[in-house]
PDB file of N, CA and C in Angstrom:
ATOM      1  N   MET A   1      18.850  -1.800  -4.455  1.00  0.00           N
ATOM      2  CA  MET A   1      18.382  -0.768  -3.563  1.00  0.00           C
ATOM      3  C   MET A   1      17.053  -1.214  -2.973  1.00  0.00           C
ATOM      4  N   ASN A   2      16.861  -0.952  -1.694  1.00  0.00           N
ATOM      5  CA  ASN A   2      15.629  -1.269  -0.987  1.00  0.00           C
ATOM      6  C   ASN A   2      14.844   0.012  -0.734  1.00  0.00           C
ATOM      7  N   LEU A   3      13.573   0.017  -1.182  1.00  0.00           N
ATOM      8  CA  LEU A   3      12.731   1.202  -1.042  1.00  0.00           C
ATOM      9  C   LEU A   3      11.453   0.874  -0.281  1.00  0.00           C
ATOM     10  N   LEU A   4      11.126   1.717   0.671  1.00  0.00           N
ATOM     11  CA  LEU A   4       9.894   1.604   1.431  1.00  0.00           C
ATOM     12  C   LEU A   4       8.997   2.785   1.065  1.00  0.00           C
ATOM     13  N   VAL A   5       7.757   2.482   0.714  1.00  0.00           N
ATOM     14  CA  VAL A   5       6.770   3.512   0.406  1.00  0.00           C
ATOM     15  C   VAL A   5       5.690   3.432   1.477  1.00  0.00           C
ATOM     16  N   ILE A   6       5.513   4.514   2.221  1.00  0.00           N
ATOM     17  CA  ILE A   6       4.490   4.585   3.270  1.00  0.00           C
ATOM     18  C   ILE A   6       3.384   5.502   2.772  1.00  0.00           C
ATOM     19  N   VAL A   7       2.147   5.004   2.824  1.00  0.00           N
ATOM     20  CA  VAL A   7       0.998   5.779   2.356  1.00  0.00           C
ATOM     21  C   VAL A   7       0.071   6.011   3.537  1.00  0.00           C
ATOM     22  N   ASN A   8      -0.350   7.267   3.730  1.00  0.00           N
ATOM     23  CA  ASN A   8      -1.190   7.655   4.862  1.00  0.00           C
ATOM     24  C   ASN A   8      -2.591   8.128   4.489  1.00  0.00           C
ATOM     25  N   ASP A   9      -2.770   8.680   3.292  1.00  0.00           N
ATOM     26  CA  ASP A   9      -4.026   9.351   2.943  1.00  0.00           C
ATOM     27  C   ASP A   9      -5.128   8.390   2.525  1.00  0.00           C
ATOM     28  N   GLN A  10      -6.370   8.889   2.650  1.00  0.00           N
ATOM     29  CA  GLN A  10      -7.534   8.129   2.213  1.00  0.00           C
ATOM     30  C   GLN A  10      -7.426   7.852   0.720  1.00  0.00           C
ATOM     31  N   PRO A  11      -8.033   6.754   0.264  1.00  0.00           N
ATOM     32  CA  PRO A  11      -7.856   6.362  -1.127  1.00  0.00           C
ATOM     33  C   PRO A  11      -8.362   7.380  -2.144  1.00  0.00           C
ATOM     34  N   TYR A  12      -9.492   7.981  -1.882  1.00  0.00           N
ATOM     35  CA  TYR A  12     -10.090   8.875  -2.866  1.00  0.00           C
ATOM     36  C   TYR A  12     -10.457  10.185  -2.197  1.00  0.00           C
ATOM     37  N   GLY A  13      -9.631  11.140  -2.280  1.00  0.00           N
ATOM     38  CA  GLY A  13      -9.849  12.438  -1.668  1.00  0.00           C
ATOM     39  C   GLY A  13      -8.648  13.308  -1.985  1.00  0.00           C
ATOM     40  N   SER A  14      -7.548  12.620  -2.179  1.00  0.00           N
ATOM     41  CA  SER A  14      -6.343  13.264  -2.685  1.00  0.00           C
ATOM     42  C   SER A  14      -5.741  12.283  -3.683  1.00  0.00           C
ATOM     43  N   GLU A  15      -4.771  12.730  -4.416  1.00  0.00           N
ATOM     44  CA  GLU A  15      -4.133  11.828  -5.378  1.00  0.00           C
ATOM     45  C   GLU A  15      -2.855  11.214  -4.818  1.00  0.00           C
ATOM     46  N   ARG A  16      -2.564  11.442  -3.540  1.00  0.00           N
ATOM     47  CA  ARG A  16      -1.332  10.896  -2.960  1.00  0.00           C
ATOM     48  C   ARG A  16      -1.273   9.376  -3.043  1.00  0.00           C
ATOM     49  N   PRO A  17      -2.317   8.637  -2.632  1.00  0.00           N
ATOM     50  CA  PRO A  17      -2.232   7.176  -2.754  1.00  0.00           C
ATOM     51  C   PRO A  17      -2.089   6.721  -4.210  1.00  0.00           C
ATOM     52  N   PHE A  18      -2.808   7.360  -5.119  1.00  0.00           N
ATOM     53  CA  PHE A  18      -2.707   7.045  -6.538  1.00  0.00           C
ATOM     54  C   PHE A  18      -1.267   7.216  -7.020  1.00  0.00           C
ATOM     55  N   ASN A  19      -0.671   8.350  -6.701  1.00  0.00           N
ATOM     56  CA  ASN A  19       0.705   8.612  -7.129  1.00  0.00           C
ATOM     57  C   ASN A  19       1.704   7.713  -6.419  1.00  0.00           C
ATOM     58  N   ALA A  20       1.466   7.424  -5.153  1.00  0.00           N
ATOM     59  CA  ALA A  20       2.359   6.526  -4.413  1.00  0.00           C
ATOM     60  C   ALA A  20       2.378   5.142  -5.039  1.00  0.00           C
ATOM     61  N   LEU A  21       1.211   4.613  -5.383  1.00  0.00           N
ATOM     62  CA  LEU A  21       1.142   3.277  -5.976  1.00  0.00           C
ATOM     63  C   LEU A  21       1.694   3.258  -7.388  1.00  0.00           C
ATOM     64  N   ARG A  22       1.477   4.329  -8.136  1.00  0.00           N
ATOM     65  CA  ARG A  22       2.082   4.410  -9.478  1.00  0.00           C
ATOM     66  C   ARG A  22       3.602   4.385  -9.376  1.00  0.00           C
ATOM     67  N   LEU A  23       4.144   5.164  -8.434  1.00  0.00           N
ATOM     68  CA  LEU A  23       5.592   5.210  -8.276  1.00  0.00           C
ATOM     69  C   LEU A  23       6.124   3.874  -7.763  1.00  0.00           C
ATOM     70  N   ALA A  24       5.447   3.285  -6.784  1.00  0.00           N
ATOM     71  CA  ALA A  24       5.886   1.979  -6.251  1.00  0.00           C
ATOM     72  C   ALA A  24       5.910   0.941  -7.365  1.00  0.00           C
ATOM     73  N   ASP A  25       4.894   0.943  -8.215  1.00  0.00           N
ATOM     74  CA  ASP A  25       4.842   0.001  -9.332  1.00  0.00           C
ATOM     75  C   ASP A  25       6.002   0.230 -10.294  1.00  0.00           C
ATOM     76  N   ALA A  26       6.241   1.479 -10.667  1.00  0.00           N
ATOM     77  CA  ALA A  26       7.328   1.800 -11.603  1.00  0.00           C
ATOM     78  C   ALA A  26       8.687   1.429 -11.021  1.00  0.00           C
ATOM     79  N   LEU A  27       8.887   1.729  -9.750  1.00  0.00           N
ATOM     80  CA  LEU A  27      10.176   1.409  -9.117  1.00  0.00           C
ATOM     81  C   LEU A  27      10.385  -0.097  -8.979  1.00  0.00           C
ATOM     82  N   SER A  28       9.301  -0.820  -8.704  1.00  0.00           N
ATOM     83  CA  SER A  28       9.425  -2.271  -8.509  1.00  0.00           C
ATOM     84  C   SER A  28       9.792  -3.001  -9.796  1.00  0.00           C
ATOM     85  N   LYS A  29       9.625  -2.342 -10.930  1.00  0.00           N
ATOM     86  CA  LYS A  29       9.969  -2.937 -12.224  1.00  0.00           C
ATOM     87  C   LYS A  29      11.440  -2.748 -12.579  1.00  0.00           C
ATOM     88  N   ARG A  30      12.151  -1.980 -11.792  1.00  0.00           N
ATOM     89  CA  ARG A  30      13.570  -1.701 -12.058  1.00  0.00           C
ATOM     90  C   ARG A  30      14.439  -2.846 -11.560  1.00  0.00           C
ATOM     91  N   ASP A  31      15.465  -3.162 -12.316  1.00  0.00           N
ATOM     92  CA  ASP A  31      16.421  -4.186 -11.894  1.00  0.00           C
ATOM     93  C   ASP A  31      17.147  -3.731 -10.643  1.00  0.00           C
ATOM     94  N   GLY A  32      17.330  -4.635  -9.706  1.00  0.00           N
ATOM     95  CA  GLY A  32      18.081  -4.335  -8.503  1.00  0.00           C
ATOM     96  C   GLY A  32      17.331  -3.523  -7.466  1.00  0.00           C
ATOM     97  N   VAL A  33      16.018  -3.352  -7.657  1.00  0.00           N
ATOM     98  CA  VAL A  33      15.220  -2.571  -6.722  1.00  0.00           C
ATOM     99  C   VAL A  33      14.176  -3.478  -6.079  1.00  0.00           C
ATOM    100  N   GLU A  34      14.136  -3.467  -4.756  1.00  0.00           N
ATOM    101  CA  GLU A  34      13.097  -4.181  -4.021  1.00  0.00           C
ATOM    102  C   GLU A  34      12.240  -3.137  -3.312  1.00  0.00           C
ATOM    103  N   VAL A  35      10.929  -3.266  -3.468  1.00  0.00           N
ATOM    104  CA  VAL A  35       9.987  -2.292  -2.923  1.00  0.00           C
ATOM    105  C   VAL A  35       9.068  -2.971  -1.921  1.00  0.00           C
ATOM    106  N   ARG A  36       8.780  -2.265  -0.848  1.00  0.00           N
ATOM    107  CA  ARG A  36       7.760  -2.665   0.115  1.00  0.00           C
ATOM    108  C   ARG A  36       6.846  -1.461   0.318  1.00  0.00           C
ATOM    109  N   VAL A  37       5.547  -1.737   0.452  1.00  0.00           N
ATOM    110  CA  VAL A  37       4.547  -0.691   0.625  1.00  0.00           C
ATOM    111  C   VAL A  37       3.843  -0.925   1.951  1.00  0.00           C
ATOM    112  N   PHE A  38       3.726   0.123   2.755  1.00  0.00           N
ATOM    113  CA  PHE A  38       3.021   0.036   4.028  1.00  0.00           C
ATOM    114  C   PHE A  38       1.895   1.051   4.015  1.00  0.00           C
ATOM    115  N   LEU A  39       0.664   0.557   4.187  1.00  0.00           N
ATOM    116  CA  LEU A  39      -0.518   1.412   4.230  1.00  0.00           C
ATOM    117  C   LEU A  39      -0.909   1.636   5.673  1.00  0.00           C
ATOM    118  N   MET A  40      -1.084   2.898   6.044  1.00  0.00           N
ATOM    119  CA  MET A  40      -1.502   3.190   7.413  1.00  0.00           C
ATOM    120  C   MET A  40      -2.504   4.334   7.418  1.00  0.00           C
ATOM    121  N   GLY A  41      -3.153   4.528   8.563  1.00  0.00           N
ATOM    122  CA  GLY A  41      -4.202   5.535   8.628  1.00  0.00           C
ATOM    123  C   GLY A  41      -5.304   5.179   7.642  1.00  0.00           C
ATOM    124  N   ASP A  42      -5.889   6.205   7.045  1.00  0.00           N
ATOM    125  CA  ASP A  42      -6.969   5.978   6.090  1.00  0.00           C
ATOM    126  C   ASP A  42      -6.521   5.231   4.842  1.00  0.00           C
ATOM    127  N   ALA A  43      -5.226   5.169   4.588  1.00  0.00           N
ATOM    128  CA  ALA A  43      -4.722   4.493   3.390  1.00  0.00           C
ATOM    129  C   ALA A  43      -4.980   2.992   3.403  1.00  0.00           C
ATOM    130  N   VAL A  44      -5.256   2.394   4.565  1.00  0.00           N
ATOM    131  CA  VAL A  44      -5.541   0.946   4.579  1.00  0.00           C
ATOM    132  C   VAL A  44      -6.736   0.624   3.692  1.00  0.00           C
ATOM    133  N   ALA A  45      -7.643   1.576   3.484  1.00  0.00           N
ATOM    134  CA  ALA A  45      -8.808   1.354   2.632  1.00  0.00           C
ATOM    135  C   ALA A  45      -8.420   1.185   1.160  1.00  0.00           C
ATOM    136  N   CYS A  46      -7.208   1.562   0.784  1.00  0.00           N
ATOM    137  CA  CYS A  46      -6.743   1.333  -0.586  1.00  0.00           C
ATOM    138  C   CYS A  46      -6.715  -0.150  -0.916  1.00  0.00           C
ATOM    139  N   ALA A  47      -6.528  -0.981   0.090  1.00  0.00           N
ATOM    140  CA  ALA A  47      -6.369  -2.416  -0.110  1.00  0.00           C
ATOM    141  C   ALA A  47      -7.677  -3.193  -0.037  1.00  0.00           C
ATOM    142  N   VAL A  48      -8.795  -2.518   0.179  1.00  0.00           N
ATOM    143  CA  VAL A  48     -10.087  -3.218   0.218  1.00  0.00           C
ATOM    144  C   VAL A  48     -10.425  -3.700  -1.187  1.00  0.00           C
ATOM    145  N   ALA A  49     -10.707  -4.995  -1.309  1.00  0.00           N
ATOM    146  CA  ALA A  49     -10.998  -5.605  -2.606  1.00  0.00           C
ATOM    147  C   ALA A  49     -12.382  -5.212  -3.108  1.00  0.00           C
ATOM    148  N   GLY A  50     -12.524  -5.200  -4.434  1.00  0.00           N
ATOM    149  CA  GLY A  50     -13.821  -5.020  -5.062  1.00  0.00           C
ATOM    150  C   GLY A  50     -14.431  -3.646  -4.918  1.00  0.00           C
ATOM    151  N   GLN A  51     -13.627  -2.620  -4.966  1.00  0.00           N
ATOM    152  CA  GLN A  51     -14.143  -1.261  -4.815  1.00  0.00           C
ATOM    153  C   GLN A  51     -15.056  -0.902  -5.984  1.00  0.00           C
ATOM    154  N   GLN A  52     -16.182  -0.284  -5.683  1.00  0.00           N
ATOM    155  CA  GLN A  52     -17.143   0.164  -6.695  1.00  0.00           C
ATOM    156  C   GLN A  52     -16.970   1.669  -6.901  1.00  0.00           C
ATOM    157  N   LEU A  53     -16.562   2.037  -8.107  1.00  0.00           N
ATOM    158  CA  LEU A  53     -16.289   3.439  -8.414  1.00  0.00           C
ATOM    159  C   LEU A  53     -16.945   3.836  -9.728  1.00  0.00           C
ATOM    160  N   PRO A  54     -17.153   5.134  -9.938  1.00  0.00           N
ATOM    161  CA  PRO A  54     -17.733   5.589 -11.204  1.00  0.00           C
ATOM    162  C   PRO A  54     -16.838   5.224 -12.393  1.00  0.00           C
ATOM    163  N   ASP A  55     -17.457   5.051 -13.552  1.00  0.00           N
ATOM    164  CA  ASP A  55     -16.692   4.775 -14.770  1.00  0.00           C
ATOM    165  C   ASP A  55     -15.651   5.862 -14.992  1.00  0.00           C
ATOM    166  N   GLY A  56     -14.479   5.446 -15.418  1.00  0.00           N
ATOM    167  CA  GLY A  56     -13.413   6.387 -15.714  1.00  0.00           C
ATOM    168  C   GLY A  56     -12.548   6.755 -14.523  1.00  0.00           C
ATOM    169  N   HIS A  57     -12.912   6.269 -13.329  1.00  0.00           N
ATOM    170  CA  HIS A  57     -12.140   6.588 -12.128  1.00  0.00           C
ATOM    171  C   HIS A  57     -11.119   5.480 -11.881  1.00  0.00           C
ATOM    172  N   TYR A  58      -9.944   5.834 -11.409  1.00  0.00           N
ATOM    173  CA  TYR A  58      -8.933   4.819 -11.125  1.00  0.00           C
ATOM    174  C   TYR A  58      -9.364   3.964  -9.929  1.00  0.00           C
ATOM    175  N   HIS A  59      -8.946   2.707  -9.942  1.00  0.00           N
ATOM    176  CA  HIS A  59      -9.268   1.748  -8.889  1.00  0.00           C
ATOM    177  C   HIS A  59      -7.981   1.394  -8.149  1.00  0.00           C
ATOM    178  N   LEU A  60      -7.831   1.873  -6.948  1.00  0.00           N
ATOM    179  CA  LEU A  60      -6.599   1.626  -6.198  1.00  0.00           C
ATOM    180  C   LEU A  60      -6.434   0.159  -5.836  1.00  0.00           C
ATOM    181  N   ASP A  61      -7.531  -0.566  -5.612  1.00  0.00           N
ATOM    182  CA  ASP A  61      -7.405  -1.988  -5.314  1.00  0.00           C
ATOM    183  C   ASP A  61      -6.797  -2.732  -6.502  1.00  0.00           C
ATOM    184  N   ARG A  62      -7.171  -2.367  -7.706  1.00  0.00           N
ATOM    185  CA  ARG A  62      -6.598  -2.994  -8.903  1.00  0.00           C
ATOM    186  C   ARG A  62      -5.140  -2.600  -9.078  1.00  0.00           C
ATOM    187  N   MET A  63      -4.835  -1.332  -8.812  1.00  0.00           N
ATOM    188  CA  MET A  63      -3.443  -0.889  -8.896  1.00  0.00           C
ATOM    189  C   MET A  63      -2.582  -1.647  -7.900  1.00  0.00           C
ATOM    190  N   LEU A  64      -3.122  -1.849  -6.710  1.00  0.00           N
ATOM    191  CA  LEU A  64      -2.380  -2.544  -5.663  1.00  0.00           C
ATOM    192  C   LEU A  64      -2.099  -3.985  -6.061  1.00  0.00           C
ATOM    193  N   LYS A  65      -3.037  -4.631  -6.749  1.00  0.00           N
ATOM    194  CA  LYS A  65      -2.824  -6.001  -7.222  1.00  0.00           C
ATOM    195  C   LYS A  65      -1.609  -6.062  -8.134  1.00  0.00           C
ATOM    196  N   GLY A  66      -1.442  -5.055  -8.990  1.00  0.00           N
ATOM    197  CA  GLY A  66      -0.275  -5.007  -9.866  1.00  0.00           C
ATOM    198  C   GLY A  66       1.015  -4.860  -9.085  1.00  0.00           C
ATOM    199  N   VAL A  67       1.001  -4.019  -8.082  1.00  0.00           N
ATOM    200  CA  VAL A  67       2.185  -3.802  -7.239  1.00  0.00           C
ATOM    201  C   VAL A  67       2.547  -5.093  -6.503  1.00  0.00           C
ATOM    202  N   LEU A  68       1.529  -5.838  -6.090  1.00  0.00           N
ATOM    203  CA  LEU A  68       1.757  -7.060  -5.304  1.00  0.00           C
ATOM    204  C   LEU A  68       2.506  -8.151  -6.072  1.00  0.00           C
ATOM    205  N   HIS A  69       2.580  -8.048  -7.384  1.00  0.00           N
ATOM    206  CA  HIS A  69       3.346  -9.032  -8.160  1.00  0.00           C
ATOM    207  C   HIS A  69       4.839  -8.916  -7.892  1.00  0.00           C
ATOM    208  N   ARG A  70       5.269  -7.726  -7.448  1.00  0.00           N
ATOM    209  CA  ARG A  70       6.701  -7.491  -7.278  1.00  0.00           C
ATOM    210  C   ARG A  70       7.065  -6.886  -5.932  1.00  0.00           C
ATOM    211  N   ALA A  71       6.078  -6.622  -5.083  1.00  0.00           N
ATOM    212  CA  ALA A  71       6.365  -5.926  -3.819  1.00  0.00           C
ATOM    213  C   ALA A  71       5.504  -6.487  -2.694  1.00  0.00           C
ATOM    214  N   ALA A  72       6.018  -6.413  -1.484  1.00  0.00           N
ATOM    215  CA  ALA A  72       5.245  -6.771  -0.294  1.00  0.00           C
ATOM    216  C   ALA A  72       4.385  -5.576   0.097  1.00  0.00           C
ATOM    217  N   VAL A  73       3.148  -5.856   0.540  1.00  0.00           N
ATOM    218  CA  VAL A  73       2.243  -4.798   0.978  1.00  0.00           C
ATOM    219  C   VAL A  73       1.710  -5.153   2.358  1.00  0.00           C
ATOM    220  N   GLY A  74       1.997  -4.281   3.322  1.00  0.00           N
ATOM    221  CA  GLY A  74       1.492  -4.448   4.681  1.00  0.00           C
ATOM    222  C   GLY A  74       0.482  -3.372   5.005  1.00  0.00           C
ATOM    223  N   CYS A  75      -0.549  -3.765   5.760  1.00  0.00           N
ATOM    224  CA  CYS A  75      -1.590  -2.824   6.194  1.00  0.00           C
ATOM    225  C   CYS A  75      -1.568  -2.768   7.715  1.00  0.00           C
ATOM    226  N   CYS A  76      -1.473  -1.581   8.260  1.00  0.00           N
ATOM    227  CA  CYS A  76      -1.422  -1.391   9.705  1.00  0.00           C
ATOM    228  C   CYS A  76      -2.646  -2.037  10.360  1.00  0.00           C
ATOM    229  N   GLY A  77      -2.411  -2.989  11.248  1.00  0.00           N
ATOM    230  CA  GLY A  77      -3.498  -3.689  11.921  1.00  0.00           C
ATOM    231  C   GLY A  77      -4.329  -2.783  12.812  1.00  0.00           C
ATOM    232  N   THR A  78      -3.683  -1.892  13.540  1.00  0.00           N
ATOM    233  CA  THR A  78      -4.403  -0.948  14.392  1.00  0.00           C
ATOM    234  C   THR A  78      -5.302  -0.060  13.547  1.00  0.00           C
ATOM    235  N   CYS A  79      -4.808   0.366  12.395  1.00  0.00           N
ATOM    236  CA  CYS A  79      -5.574   1.227  11.496  1.00  0.00           C
ATOM    237  C   CYS A  79      -6.750   0.469  10.881  1.00  0.00           C
ATOM    238  N   LEU A  80      -6.546  -0.807  10.541  1.00  0.00           N
ATOM    239  CA  LEU A  80      -7.650  -1.628  10.047  1.00  0.00           C
ATOM    240  C   LEU A  80      -8.738  -1.735  11.108  1.00  0.00           C
ATOM    241  N   ASP A  81      -8.326  -2.046  12.340  1.00  0.00           N
ATOM    242  CA  ASP A  81      -9.291  -2.194  13.437  1.00  0.00           C
ATOM    243  C   ASP A  81     -10.076  -0.911  13.671  1.00  0.00           C
ATOM    244  N   ALA A  82      -9.395   0.228  13.633  1.00  0.00           N
ATOM    245  CA  ALA A  82     -10.047   1.516  13.885  1.00  0.00           C
ATOM    246  C   ALA A  82     -11.097   1.849  12.823  1.00  0.00           C
ATOM    247  N   ARG A  83     -10.984   1.208  11.664  1.00  0.00           N
ATOM    248  CA  ARG A  83     -11.927   1.466  10.571  1.00  0.00           C
ATOM    249  C   ARG A  83     -12.891   0.301  10.351  1.00  0.00           C
ATOM    250  N   GLY A  84     -12.850  -0.671  11.241  1.00  0.00           N
ATOM    251  CA  GLY A  84     -13.757  -1.811  11.146  1.00  0.00           C
ATOM    252  C   GLY A  84     -13.479  -2.709   9.957  1.00  0.00           C
ATOM    253  N   LEU A  85     -12.232  -2.740   9.494  1.00  0.00           N
ATOM    254  CA  LEU A  85     -11.858  -3.564   8.351  1.00  0.00           C
ATOM    255  C   LEU A  85     -11.170  -4.838   8.830  1.00  0.00           C
ATOM    256  N   HIS A  86     -11.391  -5.926   8.085  1.00  0.00           N
ATOM    257  CA  HIS A  86     -10.795  -7.224   8.416  1.00  0.00           C
ATOM    258  C   HIS A  86      -9.867  -7.649   7.292  1.00  0.00           C
ATOM    259  N   GLU A  87      -8.883  -8.445   7.628  1.00  0.00           N
ATOM    260  CA  GLU A  87      -7.902  -8.894   6.639  1.00  0.00           C
ATOM    261  C   GLU A  87      -8.580  -9.614   5.474  1.00  0.00           C
ATOM    262  N   ARG A  88      -9.670 -10.309   5.734  1.00  0.00           N
ATOM    263  CA  ARG A  88     -10.374 -11.039   4.672  1.00  0.00           C
ATOM    264  C   ARG A  88     -10.970 -10.092   3.615  1.00  0.00           C
ATOM    265  N   GLN A  89     -11.084  -8.809   3.913  1.00  0.00           N
ATOM    266  CA  GLN A  89     -11.617  -7.829   2.966  1.00  0.00           C
ATOM    267  C   GLN A  89     -10.541  -7.279   2.027  1.00  0.00           C
ATOM    268  N   LEU A  90      -9.283  -7.600   2.299  1.00  0.00           N
ATOM    269  CA  LEU A  90      -8.174  -7.038   1.530  1.00  0.00           C
ATOM    270  C   LEU A  90      -7.935  -7.807   0.234  1.00  0.00           C
ATOM    271  N   VAL A  91      -7.359  -7.140  -0.747  1.00  0.00           N
ATOM    272  CA  VAL A  91      -6.975  -7.807  -1.988  1.00  0.00           C
ATOM    273  C   VAL A  91      -5.986  -8.916  -1.659  1.00  0.00           C
ATOM    274  N   ASP A  92      -6.026  -9.963  -2.469  1.00  0.00           N
ATOM    275  CA  ASP A  92      -5.119 -11.088  -2.256  1.00  0.00           C
ATOM    276  C   ASP A  92      -3.673 -10.617  -2.264  1.00  0.00           C
ATOM    277  N   GLY A  93      -2.942 -10.978  -1.243  1.00  0.00           N
ATOM    278  CA  GLY A  93      -1.533 -10.619  -1.133  1.00  0.00           C
ATOM    279  C   GLY A  93      -1.262  -9.500  -0.150  1.00  0.00           C
ATOM    280  N   ALA A  94      -2.190  -8.574  -0.023  1.00  0.00           N
ATOM    281  CA  ALA A  94      -2.047  -7.530   1.007  1.00  0.00           C
ATOM    282  C   ALA A  94      -2.369  -8.184   2.341  1.00  0.00           C
ATOM    283  N   ARG A  95      -1.641  -7.813   3.358  1.00  0.00           N
ATOM    284  CA  ARG A  95      -1.857  -8.488   4.636  1.00  0.00           C
ATOM    285  C   ARG A  95      -1.794  -7.525   5.799  1.00  0.00           C
ATOM    286  N   ARG A  96      -2.404  -7.975   6.885  1.00  0.00           N
ATOM    287  CA  ARG A  96      -2.369  -7.239   8.141  1.00  0.00           C
ATOM    288  C   ARG A  96      -0.921  -7.214   8.633  1.00  0.00           C
ATOM    289  N   SER A  97      -0.500  -6.077   9.127  1.00  0.00           N
ATOM    290  CA  SER A  97       0.866  -5.920   9.599  1.00  0.00           C
ATOM    291  C   SER A  97       0.861  -5.169  10.930  1.00  0.00           C
ATOM    292  N   THR A  98       2.047  -4.813  11.385  1.00  0.00           N
ATOM    293  CA  THR A  98       2.201  -4.174  12.687  1.00  0.00           C
ATOM    294  C   THR A  98       3.180  -3.005  12.584  1.00  0.00           C
ATOM    295  N   LEU A  99       3.155  -2.165  13.602  1.00  0.00           N
ATOM    296  CA  LEU A  99       4.117  -1.079  13.675  1.00  0.00           C
ATOM    297  C   LEU A  99       5.538  -1.626  13.844  1.00  0.00           C
ATOM    298  N   ALA A 100       5.664  -2.755  14.522  1.00  0.00           N
ATOM    299  CA  ALA A 100       6.982  -3.379  14.672  1.00  0.00           C
ATOM    300  C   ALA A 100       7.539  -3.798  13.313  1.00  0.00           C
ATOM    301  N   GLU A 101       6.679  -4.326  12.444  1.00  0.00           N
ATOM    302  CA  GLU A 101       7.143  -4.686  11.109  1.00  0.00           C
ATOM    303  C   GLU A 101       7.505  -3.435  10.313  1.00  0.00           C
ATOM    304  N   LEU A 102       6.723  -2.371  10.449  1.00  0.00           N
ATOM    305  CA  LEU A 102       7.075  -1.115   9.789  1.00  0.00           C
ATOM    306  C   LEU A 102       8.439  -0.629  10.272  1.00  0.00           C
ATOM    307  N   ALA A 103       8.714  -0.763  11.550  1.00  0.00           N
ATOM    308  CA  ALA A 103      10.031  -0.373  12.077  1.00  0.00           C
ATOM    309  C   ALA A 103      11.127  -1.217  11.427  1.00  0.00           C
ATOM    310  N   ASP A 104      10.896  -2.530  11.299  1.00  0.00           N
ATOM    311  CA  ASP A 104      11.869  -3.411  10.643  1.00  0.00           C
ATOM    312  C   ASP A 104      12.070  -3.003   9.186  1.00  0.00           C
ATOM    313  N   TRP A 105      10.970  -2.736   8.483  1.00  0.00           N
ATOM    314  CA  TRP A 105      11.064  -2.339   7.086  1.00  0.00           C
ATOM    315  C   TRP A 105      11.790  -1.010   6.942  1.00  0.00           C
ATOM    316  N   THR A 106      11.598  -0.098   7.877  1.00  0.00           N
ATOM    317  CA  THR A 106      12.275   1.201   7.832  1.00  0.00           C
ATOM    318  C   THR A 106      13.785   1.015   7.967  1.00  0.00           C
ATOM    319  N   LEU A 107      14.195   0.121   8.850  1.00  0.00           N
ATOM    320  CA  LEU A 107      15.625  -0.154   9.015  1.00  0.00           C
ATOM    321  C   LEU A 107      16.194  -0.892   7.805  1.00  0.00           C
ATOM    322  N   TRP A 108      15.386  -1.700   7.149  1.00  0.00           N
ATOM    323  CA  TRP A 108      15.782  -2.446   5.950  1.00  0.00           C
ATOM    324  C   TRP A 108      15.997  -1.515   4.758  1.00  0.00           C
ATOM    325  N   ALA A 109      15.190  -0.464   4.687  1.00  0.00           N
ATOM    326  CA  ALA A 109      15.154   0.400   3.502  1.00  0.00           C
ATOM    327  C   ALA A 109      16.382   1.299   3.391  1.00  0.00           C
ATOM    328  N   ASP A 110      16.849   1.436   2.159  1.00  0.00           N
ATOM    329  CA  ASP A 110      17.878   2.432   1.863  1.00  0.00           C
ATOM    330  C   ASP A 110      17.235   3.823   1.771  1.00  0.00           C
ATOM    331  N   ARG A 111      15.993   3.838   1.298  1.00  0.00           N
ATOM    332  CA  ARG A 111      15.230   5.093   1.186  1.00  0.00           C
ATOM    333  C   ARG A 111      13.783   4.822   1.555  1.00  0.00           C
ATOM    334  N   THR A 112      13.175   5.806   2.201  1.00  0.00           N
ATOM    335  CA  THR A 112      11.772   5.729   2.573  1.00  0.00           C
ATOM    336  C   THR A 112      11.049   6.928   1.973  1.00  0.00           C
ATOM    337  N   LEU A 113       9.967   6.649   1.272  1.00  0.00           N
ATOM    338  CA  LEU A 113       9.140   7.689   0.654  1.00  0.00           C
ATOM    339  C   LEU A 113       7.801   7.696   1.380  1.00  0.00           C
ATOM    340  N   VAL A 114       7.362   8.865   1.810  1.00  0.00           N
ATOM    341  CA  VAL A 114       6.117   8.967   2.584  1.00  0.00           C
ATOM    342  C   VAL A 114       5.126   9.835   1.812  1.00  0.00           C
ATOM    343  N   PHE A 115       3.944   9.292   1.613  1.00  0.00           N
ATOM    344  CA  PHE A 115       2.873   9.999   0.913  1.00  0.00           C
ATOM    345  C   PHE A 115       1.714  10.184   1.857  1.00  0.00           C
TER     346      PHE A 115
END
């Protein structure tokens, strides 16, 4: 089964990105399941490497690194540009992507989950 997870929310303000990445990680560990994650809007900030957070707070960049072992992660290029972010700031493996690639991934997916 092919699953696409689209994340839209800012990294720390709601728990949607946290839950999306937890689910993507759990699903990617299943036999016969291929997962792709697309970050868009404020969610592109989830992929910024080296986030500094208070003790005891979850780190989405670290969570994303775990997901990247088994899943492709694309970050909307237009959304990165709108936030002044560059691909070199992203965790290793996360990459700049396009809406055209998201369209391809949507057609590839058997199911699409949007957070």
